PDB file of N, CA and C in Angstrom:
ATOM      1  N   MET A   1       0.863  -1.233  -0.017  1.00  0.00           N
ATOM      2  CA  MET A   1       0.131   0.038  -0.117  1.00  0.00           C
ATOM      3  C   MET A   1       0.945   1.371  -0.035  1.00  0.00           C
ATOM      4  N   ALA A   2       0.278   2.202  -0.868  1.00  0.00           N
ATOM      5  CA  ALA A   2       0.993   3.488  -0.664  1.00  0.00           C
ATOM      6  C   ALA A   2       0.824   4.274   0.389  1.00  0.00           C
ATOM      7  N   ASP A   3       1.835   5.068   0.838  1.00  0.00           N
ATOM      8  CA  ASP A   3       1.711   5.754   2.138  1.00  0.00           C
ATOM      9  C   ASP A   3       0.938   7.153   1.621  1.00  0.00           C
ATOM     10  N   HIS A   4       0.513   7.489   2.307  1.00  0.00           N
ATOM     11  CA  HIS A   4      -0.406   8.981   1.904  1.00  0.00           C
ATOM     12  C   HIS A   4       0.644  10.042   2.361  1.00  0.00           C
ATOM     13  N   LEU A   5       0.935  10.919   1.517  1.00  0.00           N
ATOM     14  CA  LEU A   5       1.811  12.101   1.756  1.00  0.00           C
ATOM     15  C   LEU A   5       0.970  13.404   1.830  1.00  0.00           C
ATOM     16  N   SER A   6       0.896  14.200   2.829  1.00  0.00           N
ATOM     17  CA  SER A   6       0.480  15.509   2.676  1.00  0.00           C
ATOM     18  C   SER A   6       1.264  16.349   2.317  1.00  0.00           C
ATOM     19  N   LEU A   7       1.115  17.209   1.275  1.00  0.00           N
ATOM     20  CA  LEU A   7       1.804  18.146   0.840  1.00  0.00           C
ATOM     21  C   LEU A   7       1.462  19.672   1.496  1.00  0.00           C
ATOM     22  N   LYS A   8       2.033  20.743   1.780  1.00  0.00           N
ATOM     23  CA  LYS A   8       1.805  22.100   2.114  1.00  0.00           C
ATOM     24  C   LYS A   8       2.399  22.950   1.208  1.00  0.00           C
ATOM     25  N   LEU A   9       1.427  23.922   0.393  1.00  0.00           N
ATOM     26  CA  LEU A   9       2.129  24.674  -0.291  1.00  0.00           C
ATOM     27  C   LEU A   9       2.526  26.437   0.584  1.00  0.00           C
ATOM     28  N   VAL A  10       3.569  26.785   0.094  1.00  0.00           N
ATOM     29  CA  VAL A  10       3.935  27.925   0.849  1.00  0.00           C
ATOM     30  C   VAL A  10       4.153  29.168  -0.132  1.00  0.00           C
ATOM     31  N   MET A  11       3.442  30.204  -0.048  1.00  0.00           N
ATOM     32  CA  MET A  11       3.842  31.134  -1.048  1.00  0.00           C
ATOM     33  C   MET A  11       4.459  32.239  -0.363  1.00  0.00           C
ATOM     34  N   PHE A  12       5.426  33.011  -0.962  1.00  0.00           N
ATOM     35  CA  PHE A  12       5.640  34.128  -0.028  1.00  0.00           C
ATOM     36  C   PHE A  12       5.344  35.370  -0.854  1.00  0.00           C
ATOM     37  N   GLY A  13       4.881  36.301  -0.379  1.00  0.00           N
ATOM     38  CA  GLY A  13       4.143  37.301  -1.070  1.00  0.00           C
ATOM     39  C   GLY A  13       4.983  38.522  -1.249  1.00  0.00           C
ATOM     40  N   ASP A  14       4.362  39.511  -1.550  1.00  0.00           N
ATOM     41  CA  ASP A  14       5.241  40.823  -1.872  1.00  0.00           C
ATOM     42  C   ASP A  14       5.183  41.814  -0.910  1.00  0.00           C
ATOM     43  N   GLN A  15       5.145  43.126  -1.165  1.00  0.00           N
ATOM     44  CA  GLN A  15       5.092  44.125  -0.240  1.00  0.00           C
ATOM     45  C   GLN A  15       3.797  45.000  -0.651  1.00  0.00           C
ATOM     46  N   THR A  16       2.754  44.382  -1.189  1.00  0.00           N
ATOM     47  CA  THR A  16       1.683  45.202  -1.530  1.00  0.00           C
ATOM     48  C   THR A  16       0.648  45.327  -0.379  1.00  0.00           C
ATOM     49  N   PHE A  17       0.741  44.856   0.645  1.00  0.00           N
ATOM     50  CA  PHE A  17       0.033  44.758   1.948  1.00  0.00           C
ATOM     51  C   PHE A  17       0.712  45.398   3.148  1.00  0.00           C
ATOM     52  N   ASP A  18      -0.275  46.125   3.902  1.00  0.00           N
ATOM     53  CA  ASP A  18       0.333  46.490   5.264  1.00  0.00           C
ATOM     54  C   ASP A  18       0.763  45.247   6.146  1.00  0.00           C
ATOM     55  N   LEU A  19       1.803  45.234   6.569  1.00  0.00           N
ATOM     56  CA  LEU A  19       2.355  44.401   7.751  1.00  0.00           C
ATOM     57  C   LEU A  19       2.362  44.716   8.899  1.00  0.00           C
ATOM     58  N   THR A  20       1.857  45.963   9.175  1.00  0.00           N
ATOM     59  CA  THR A  20       1.557  46.241  10.529  1.00  0.00           C
ATOM     60  C   THR A  20       1.067  45.641  11.496  1.00  0.00           C
ATOM     61  N   GLN A  21      -0.132  45.254  11.071  1.00  0.00           N
ATOM     62  CA  GLN A  21      -1.219  44.554  11.983  1.00  0.00           C
ATOM     63  C   GLN A  21      -0.771  43.106  11.882  1.00  0.00           C
ATOM     64  N   ARG A  22      -0.248  42.597  10.726  1.00  0.00           N
ATOM     65  CA  ARG A  22       0.179  41.138  10.944  1.00  0.00           C
ATOM     66  C   ARG A  22       1.376  41.053  11.813  1.00  0.00           C
ATOM     67  N   TRP A  23       2.000  41.895  11.883  1.00  0.00           N
ATOM     68  CA  TRP A  23       3.305  42.104  12.896  1.00  0.00           C
ATOM     69  C   TRP A  23       3.130  41.785  14.292  1.00  0.00           C
ATOM     70  N   LYS A  24       1.918  42.649  14.590  1.00  0.00           N
ATOM     71  CA  LYS A  24       1.131  42.615  16.114  1.00  0.00           C
ATOM     72  C   LYS A  24       0.824  41.234  16.316  1.00  0.00           C
ATOM     73  N   ASP A  25       0.021  40.673  15.382  1.00  0.00           N
ATOM     74  CA  ASP A  25      -0.455  39.412  15.882  1.00  0.00           C
ATOM     75  C   ASP A  25       0.647  38.089  15.911  1.00  0.00           C
ATOM     76  N   LEU A  26       1.948  38.422  15.112  1.00  0.00           N
ATOM     77  CA  LEU A  26       3.061  37.540  15.154  1.00  0.00           C
ATOM     78  C   LEU A  26       3.946  37.966  16.422  1.00  0.00           C
ATOM     79  N   PHE A  27       4.125  39.129  16.851  1.00  0.00           N
ATOM     80  CA  PHE A  27       4.697  39.426  18.137  1.00  0.00           C
ATOM     81  C   PHE A  27       3.988  38.851  19.449  1.00  0.00           C
ATOM     82  N   HIS A  28       2.860  38.819  19.382  1.00  0.00           N
ATOM     83  CA  HIS A  28       2.206  38.173  20.561  1.00  0.00           C
ATOM     84  C   HIS A  28       2.260  36.705  20.690  1.00  0.00           C
ATOM     85  N   ILE A  29       3.012  35.939  19.826  1.00  0.00           N
ATOM     86  CA  ILE A  29       3.148  34.728  20.089  1.00  0.00           C
ATOM     87  C   ILE A  29       4.609  34.683  20.844  1.00  0.00           C
ATOM     88  N   ARG A  30       4.381  33.956  22.323  1.00  0.00           N
ATOM     89  CA  ARG A  30       5.232  33.762  23.007  1.00  0.00           C
ATOM     90  C   ARG A  30       5.485  32.341  23.277  1.00  0.00           C
ATOM     91  N   ASN A  31       4.716  31.248  22.673  1.00  0.00           N
ATOM     92  CA  ASN A  31       4.939  30.011  23.132  1.00  0.00           C
ATOM     93  C   ASN A  31       5.563  29.228  21.944  1.00  0.00           C
ATOM     94  N   ASN A  32       6.419  29.963  21.140  1.00  0.00           N
ATOM     95  CA  ASN A  32       7.154  29.222  20.070  1.00  0.00           C
ATOM     96  C   ASN A  32       8.700  29.735  20.130  1.00  0.00           C
ATOM     97  N   PRO A  33       9.501  28.948  20.810  1.00  0.00           N
ATOM     98  CA  PRO A  33      10.775  29.491  21.026  1.00  0.00           C
ATOM     99  C   PRO A  33      11.468  29.321  19.737  1.00  0.00           C
ATOM    100  N   ALA A  34      11.125  28.783  18.568  1.00  0.00           N
ATOM    101  CA  ALA A  34      11.881  28.603  17.331  1.00  0.00           C
ATOM    102  C   ALA A  34      11.376  30.222  16.685  1.00  0.00           C
ATOM    103  N   VAL A  35      10.496  30.649  16.712  1.00  0.00           N
ATOM    104  CA  VAL A  35       9.980  32.070  16.255  1.00  0.00           C
ATOM    105  C   VAL A  35      10.563  33.165  17.137  1.00  0.00           C
ATOM    106  N   GLU A  36      10.472  32.959  18.277  1.00  0.00           N
ATOM    107  CA  GLU A  36      11.196  33.802  19.067  1.00  0.00           C
ATOM    108  C   GLU A  36      12.871  34.246  18.605  1.00  0.00           C
ATOM    109  N   ASP A  37      13.571  32.861  18.599  1.00  0.00           N
ATOM    110  CA  ASP A  37      14.961  32.888  18.462  1.00  0.00           C
ATOM    111  C   ASP A  37      15.040  33.308  16.982  1.00  0.00           C
ATOM    112  N   PHE A  38      14.188  33.002  16.175  1.00  0.00           N
ATOM    113  CA  PHE A  38      14.413  33.554  14.841  1.00  0.00           C
ATOM    114  C   PHE A  38      14.198  35.157  14.779  1.00  0.00           C
ATOM    115  N   LEU A  39      13.196  35.591  15.324  1.00  0.00           N
ATOM    116  CA  LEU A  39      12.843  37.062  15.400  1.00  0.00           C
ATOM    117  C   LEU A  39      14.061  37.722  16.208  1.00  0.00           C
ATOM    118  N   ALA A  40      14.563  37.208  17.264  1.00  0.00           N
ATOM    119  CA  ALA A  40      15.757  37.966  17.995  1.00  0.00           C
ATOM    120  C   ALA A  40      17.069  37.732  17.005  1.00  0.00           C
ATOM    121  N   LYS A  41      17.306  36.862  16.591  1.00  0.00           N
ATOM    122  CA  LYS A  41      18.448  36.649  15.259  1.00  0.00           C
ATOM    123  C   LYS A  41      18.307  37.537  14.362  1.00  0.00           C
ATOM    124  N   SER A  42      17.147  37.861  13.818  1.00  0.00           N
ATOM    125  CA  SER A  42      16.776  38.571  12.708  1.00  0.00           C
ATOM    126  C   SER A  42      17.306  39.883  13.213  1.00  0.00           C
ATOM    127  N   TYR A  43      16.777  40.347  14.391  1.00  0.00           N
ATOM    128  CA  TYR A  43      17.104  41.861  14.891  1.00  0.00           C
ATOM    129  C   TYR A  43      18.495  42.182  14.914  1.00  0.00           C
ATOM    130  N   ILE A  44      19.343  41.163  15.395  1.00  0.00           N
ATOM    131  CA  ILE A  44      20.910  41.179  15.202  1.00  0.00           C
ATOM    132  C   ILE A  44      21.460  41.350  14.076  1.00  0.00           C
ATOM    133  N   ALA A  45      20.692  40.615  13.020  1.00  0.00           N
ATOM    134  CA  ALA A  45      21.244  40.545  11.675  1.00  0.00           C
ATOM    135  C   ALA A  45      21.104  41.651  10.918  1.00  0.00           C
ATOM    136  N   VAL A  46      19.729  42.412  11.200  1.00  0.00           N
ATOM    137  CA  VAL A  46      19.570  43.673  10.565  1.00  0.00           C
ATOM    138  C   VAL A  46      20.370  44.904  11.098  1.00  0.00           C
ATOM    139  N   ARG A  47      20.458  44.835  12.422  1.00  0.00           N
ATOM    140  CA  ARG A  47      21.248  45.953  13.160  1.00  0.00           C
ATOM    141  C   ARG A  47      22.860  45.665  12.425  1.00  0.00           C
ATOM    142  N   ASN A  48      23.395  44.787  12.349  1.00  0.00           N
ATOM    143  CA  ASN A  48      24.800  44.263  11.944  1.00  0.00           C
ATOM    144  C   ASN A  48      25.195  44.871  10.552  1.00  0.00           C
ATOM    145  N   GLU A  49      23.829  44.485   9.597  1.00  0.00           N
ATOM    146  CA  GLU A  49      24.056  44.958   8.192  1.00  0.00           C
ATOM    147  C   GLU A  49      23.801  46.602   8.164  1.00  0.00           C
ATOM    148  N   ILE A  50      22.922  47.083   8.865  1.00  0.00           N
ATOM    149  CA  ILE A  50      22.934  48.479   8.853  1.00  0.00           C
ATOM    150  C   ILE A  50      24.166  49.105   9.361  1.00  0.00           C
ATOM    151  N   TYR A  51      24.990  48.420  10.442  1.00  0.00           N
ATOM    152  CA  TYR A  51      25.989  49.084  10.802  1.00  0.00           C
ATOM    153  C   TYR A  51      27.111  49.218   9.760  1.00  0.00           C
ATOM    154  N   LYS A  52      26.971  48.216   8.749  1.00  0.00           N
ATOM    155  CA  LYS A  52      27.946  48.086   7.657  1.00  0.00           C
ATOM    156  C   LYS A  52      27.783  49.231   6.616  1.00  0.00           C
ATOM    157  N   LEU A  53      26.626  49.696   6.501  1.00  0.00           N
ATOM    158  CA  LEU A  53      26.392  50.683   5.514  1.00  0.00           C
ATOM    159  C   LEU A  53      27.015  52.017   6.129  1.00  0.00           C
ATOM    160  N   PRO A  54      27.386  52.940   4.847  1.00  0.00           N
ATOM    161  CA  PRO A  54      28.183  54.198   5.115  1.00  0.00           C
ATOM    162  C   PRO A  54      27.459  54.850   6.257  1.00  0.00           C
ATOM    163  N   VAL A  55      27.743  56.056   6.391  1.00  0.00           N
ATOM    164  CA  VAL A  55      27.043  56.824   7.853  1.00  0.00           C
ATOM    165  C   VAL A  55      26.053  57.509   6.818  1.00  0.00           C
ATOM    166  N   ASP A  56      26.118  58.073   6.060  1.00  0.00           N
ATOM    167  CA  ASP A  56      24.961  58.945   5.030  1.00  0.00           C
ATOM    168  C   ASP A  56      24.317  58.086   4.957  1.00  0.00           C
ATOM    169  N   VAL A  57      24.297  56.730   4.552  1.00  0.00           N
ATOM    170  CA  VAL A  57      23.099  55.791   4.205  1.00  0.00           C
ATOM    171  C   VAL A  57      22.225  55.535   5.498  1.00  0.00           C
ATOM    172  N   ARG A  58      23.215  55.270   6.583  1.00  0.00           N
ATOM    173  CA  ARG A  58      22.509  55.047   7.780  1.00  0.00           C
ATOM    174  C   ARG A  58      21.752  55.973   8.451  1.00  0.00           C
ATOM    175  N   ASN A  59      22.115  57.258   8.173  1.00  0.00           N
ATOM    176  CA  ASN A  59      21.426  58.620   8.572  1.00  0.00           C
ATOM    177  C   ASN A  59      19.870  58.457   8.001  1.00  0.00           C
ATOM    178  N   ASP A  60      19.696  57.921   6.997  1.00  0.00           N
ATOM    179  CA  ASP A  60      18.275  57.558   6.659  1.00  0.00           C
ATOM    180  C   ASP A  60      17.374  56.784   6.991  1.00  0.00           C
ATOM    181  N   ILE A  61      18.187  55.723   7.914  1.00  0.00           N
ATOM    182  CA  ILE A  61      17.435  54.787   8.367  1.00  0.00           C
ATOM    183  C   ILE A  61      16.903  55.305   9.929  1.00  0.00           C
ATOM    184  N   PRO A  62      15.713  55.063  10.133  1.00  0.00           N
ATOM    185  CA  PRO A  62      15.154  55.354  11.519  1.00  0.00           C
ATOM    186  C   PRO A  62      15.698  54.590  12.612  1.00  0.00           C
ATOM    187  N   ARG A  63      16.116  55.171  13.758  1.00  0.00           N
ATOM    188  CA  ARG A  63      16.691  54.465  14.878  1.00  0.00           C
ATOM    189  C   ARG A  63      15.570  53.615  15.461  1.00  0.00           C
ATOM    190  N   PHE A  64      16.219  52.412  15.792  1.00  0.00           N
ATOM    191  CA  PHE A  64      15.249  51.426  16.549  1.00  0.00           C
ATOM    192  C   PHE A  64      15.847  50.600  17.626  1.00  0.00           C
ATOM    193  N   THR A  65      15.122  50.209  18.346  1.00  0.00           N
ATOM    194  CA  THR A  65      15.815  49.108  19.514  1.00  0.00           C
ATOM    195  C   THR A  65      15.166  47.756  19.447  1.00  0.00           C
ATOM    196  N   CYS A  66      14.203  47.693  18.489  1.00  0.00           N
ATOM    197  CA  CYS A  66      13.375  46.134  18.357  1.00  0.00           C
ATOM    198  C   CYS A  66      13.034  46.102  16.672  1.00  0.00           C
ATOM    199  N   LEU A  67      12.866  44.945  16.437  1.00  0.00           N
ATOM    200  CA  LEU A  67      11.941  45.016  15.273  1.00  0.00           C
ATOM    201  C   LEU A  67      10.728  45.792  15.045  1.00  0.00           C
ATOM    202  N   ASN A  68      10.130  45.492  16.313  1.00  0.00           N
ATOM    203  CA  ASN A  68       8.832  46.354  16.167  1.00  0.00           C
ATOM    204  C   ASN A  68       8.844  47.832  15.849  1.00  0.00           C
ATOM    205  N   ASP A  69      10.043  48.628  16.846  1.00  0.00           N
ATOM    206  CA  ASP A  69      10.288  49.796  16.451  1.00  0.00           C
ATOM    207  C   ASP A  69      10.588  49.987  14.991  1.00  0.00           C
ATOM    208  N   LEU A  70      11.567  49.131  14.335  1.00  0.00           N
ATOM    209  CA  LEU A  70      11.808  49.095  12.929  1.00  0.00           C
ATOM    210  C   LEU A  70      10.528  49.288  11.806  1.00  0.00           C
ATOM    211  N   ILE A  71       9.539  48.394  12.447  1.00  0.00           N
ATOM    212  CA  ILE A  71       8.480  48.214  11.514  1.00  0.00           C
ATOM    213  C   ILE A  71       7.518  49.579  11.639  1.00  0.00           C
ATOM    214  N   LEU A  72       7.320  49.968  12.713  1.00  0.00           N
ATOM    215  CA  LEU A  72       6.309  51.030  13.018  1.00  0.00           C
ATOM    216  C   LEU A  72       7.019  52.520  12.392  1.00  0.00           C
ATOM    217  N   SER A  73       8.431  52.429  12.729  1.00  0.00           N
ATOM    218  CA  SER A  73       8.952  53.723  12.322  1.00  0.00           C
ATOM    219  C   SER A  73       9.011  54.022  10.700  1.00  0.00           C
ATOM    220  N   ASN A  74       9.197  52.652   9.987  1.00  0.00           N
ATOM    221  CA  ASN A  74       9.228  52.761   8.296  1.00  0.00           C
ATOM    222  C   ASN A  74       7.758  53.119   7.856  1.00  0.00           C
ATOM    223  N   GLN A  75       7.016  52.416   8.707  1.00  0.00           N
ATOM    224  CA  GLN A  75       5.613  52.807   8.215  1.00  0.00           C
ATOM    225  C   GLN A  75       5.019  54.051   8.282  1.00  0.00           C
ATOM    226  N   THR A  76       5.434  54.567   9.329  1.00  0.00           N
ATOM    227  CA  THR A  76       4.820  56.173   9.636  1.00  0.00           C
ATOM    228  C   THR A  76       5.826  57.063   9.290  1.00  0.00           C
ATOM    229  N   GLY A  77       7.367  56.782   9.108  1.00  0.00           N
ATOM    230  CA  GLY A  77       8.370  57.825   8.927  1.00  0.00           C
ATOM    231  C   GLY A  77       8.142  58.801   7.955  1.00  0.00           C
ATOM    232  N   PRO A  78       8.808  59.692   7.689  1.00  0.00           N
ATOM    233  CA  PRO A  78       8.811  60.765   6.487  1.00  0.00           C
ATOM    234  C   PRO A  78       9.268  60.092   5.256  1.00  0.00           C
ATOM    235  N   ARG A  79      10.434  59.250   5.535  1.00  0.00           N
ATOM    236  CA  ARG A  79      10.643  58.412   4.434  1.00  0.00           C
ATOM    237  C   ARG A  79      11.017  57.178   4.348  1.00  0.00           C
ATOM    238  N   ARG A  80      10.249  56.258   3.566  1.00  0.00           N
ATOM    239  CA  ARG A  80      10.383  55.310   3.694  1.00  0.00           C
ATOM    240  C   ARG A  80      11.495  54.666   3.147  1.00  0.00           C
ATOM    241  N   VAL A  81      12.185  53.496   3.737  1.00  0.00           N
ATOM    242  CA  VAL A  81      13.498  53.018   3.273  1.00  0.00           C
ATOM    243  C   VAL A  81      12.937  51.598   2.688  1.00  0.00           C
ATOM    244  N   PRO A  82      12.963  51.498   1.099  1.00  0.00           N
ATOM    245  CA  PRO A  82      12.745  50.260   0.764  1.00  0.00           C
ATOM    246  C   PRO A  82      13.617  48.818   0.753  1.00  0.00           C
ATOM    247  N   ALA A  83      14.675  49.009   1.142  1.00  0.00           N
ATOM    248  CA  ALA A  83      15.272  47.936   1.625  1.00  0.00           C
ATOM    249  C   ALA A  83      15.000  47.529   2.964  1.00  0.00           C
ATOM    250  N   ILE A  84      14.619  48.483   4.059  1.00  0.00           N
ATOM    251  CA  ILE A  84      13.907  47.979   5.244  1.00  0.00           C
ATOM    252  C   ILE A  84      12.499  47.279   5.069  1.00  0.00           C
ATOM    253  N   ASP A  85      11.762  47.803   4.052  1.00  0.00           N
ATOM    254  CA  ASP A  85      10.629  47.320   3.947  1.00  0.00           C
ATOM    255  C   ASP A  85      10.635  45.991   3.285  1.00  0.00           C
ATOM    256  N   THR A  86      11.822  45.610   2.318  1.00  0.00           N
ATOM    257  CA  THR A  86      12.004  44.379   1.938  1.00  0.00           C
ATOM    258  C   THR A  86      12.484  43.298   2.950  1.00  0.00           C
ATOM    259  N   ALA A  87      13.325  43.743   4.092  1.00  0.00           N
ATOM    260  CA  ALA A  87      13.990  43.064   5.131  1.00  0.00           C
ATOM    261  C   ALA A  87      12.553  42.776   6.210  1.00  0.00           C
ATOM    262  N   VAL A  88      11.880  43.662   6.447  1.00  0.00           N
ATOM    263  CA  VAL A  88      10.847  43.446   7.223  1.00  0.00           C
ATOM    264  C   VAL A  88       9.817  42.254   6.703  1.00  0.00           C
ATOM    265  N   ALA A  89       9.345  42.355   5.375  1.00  0.00           N
ATOM    266  CA  ALA A  89       8.607  41.547   4.664  1.00  0.00           C
ATOM    267  C   ALA A  89       9.161  40.100   4.623  1.00  0.00           C
ATOM    268  N   CYS A  90      10.448  40.067   4.444  1.00  0.00           N
ATOM    269  CA  CYS A  90      11.065  38.692   4.388  1.00  0.00           C
ATOM    270  C   CYS A  90      11.332  38.214   6.002  1.00  0.00           C
ATOM    271  N   ILE A  91      11.394  38.828   6.907  1.00  0.00           N
ATOM    272  CA  ILE A  91      11.432  38.371   8.078  1.00  0.00           C
ATOM    273  C   ILE A  91      10.050  37.679   8.720  1.00  0.00           C
ATOM    274  N   TYR A  92       9.265  38.560   8.352  1.00  0.00           N
ATOM    275  CA  TYR A  92       7.764  38.478   8.696  1.00  0.00           C
ATOM    276  C   TYR A  92       7.364  36.879   7.953  1.00  0.00           C
ATOM    277  N   GLU A  93       7.569  37.060   6.755  1.00  0.00           N
ATOM    278  CA  GLU A  93       7.081  35.594   5.623  1.00  0.00           C
ATOM    279  C   GLU A  93       8.026  34.510   6.381  1.00  0.00           C
ATOM    280  N   LEU A  94       9.305  34.734   6.648  1.00  0.00           N
ATOM    281  CA  LEU A  94       9.959  33.329   7.245  1.00  0.00           C
ATOM    282  C   LEU A  94       9.611  32.965   8.721  1.00  0.00           C
ATOM    283  N   ALA A  95       9.122  34.061   9.705  1.00  0.00           N
ATOM    284  CA  ALA A  95       8.681  33.751  10.651  1.00  0.00           C
ATOM    285  C   ALA A  95       7.288  33.043  10.526  1.00  0.00           C
ATOM    286  N   THR A  96       6.564  33.670   9.974  1.00  0.00           N
ATOM    287  CA  THR A  96       5.116  33.214   9.683  1.00  0.00           C
ATOM    288  C   THR A  96       5.323  31.304   9.113  1.00  0.00           C
ATOM    289  N   PHE A  97       6.291  31.182   8.458  1.00  0.00           N
ATOM    290  CA  PHE A  97       6.469  29.781   7.963  1.00  0.00           C
ATOM    291  C   PHE A  97       7.081  29.019   9.188  1.00  0.00           C
ATOM    292  N   ILE A  98       8.057  29.968   9.725  1.00  0.00           N
ATOM    293  CA  ILE A  98       8.539  28.847  10.944  1.00  0.00           C
ATOM    294  C   ILE A  98       7.412  28.511  11.929  1.00  0.00           C
ATOM    295  N   ARG A  99       6.587  29.508  12.049  1.00  0.00           N
ATOM    296  CA  ARG A  99       5.462  29.153  13.078  1.00  0.00           C
ATOM    297  C   ARG A  99       4.659  28.071  12.474  1.00  0.00           C
ATOM    298  N   SER A 100       4.506  28.079  11.318  1.00  0.00           N
ATOM    299  CA  SER A 100       3.467  27.005  10.687  1.00  0.00           C
ATOM    300  C   SER A 100       3.968  25.741  10.639  1.00  0.00           C
ATOM    301  N   VAL A 101       5.323  25.345  10.918  1.00  0.00           N
ATOM    302  CA  VAL A 101       5.628  24.126  10.676  1.00  0.00           C
ATOM    303  C   VAL A 101       6.173  23.503  12.064  1.00  0.00           C
ATOM    304  N   ASN A 102       5.969  24.508  12.999  1.00  0.00           N
ATOM    305  CA  ASN A 102       6.368  24.225  14.808  1.00  0.00           C
ATOM    306  C   ASN A 102       5.223  23.906  15.344  1.00  0.00           C
TER     307      ASN A 102
END
């Protein structure tokens, strides 16, 4: 007899929707160590990459002390930073994926 396999399709989206509310839902997850670890390491990675940028480029990026600050400041700030939007969308999608498989 053939074993039945279940497949799960995962689609990563684009940046055409507002992630602010979805982030709030994701940040309320406190019972998933894998997601929490991923978000903590993502924050460190984003800070490290920003630190490598030239000072004049870094000055355009809003100051932040956590991912939530970065998300909110980039959504409401005077100038949007497309690279930050892309990083935030990628982190959100990967965290959502990690949550779905754990």
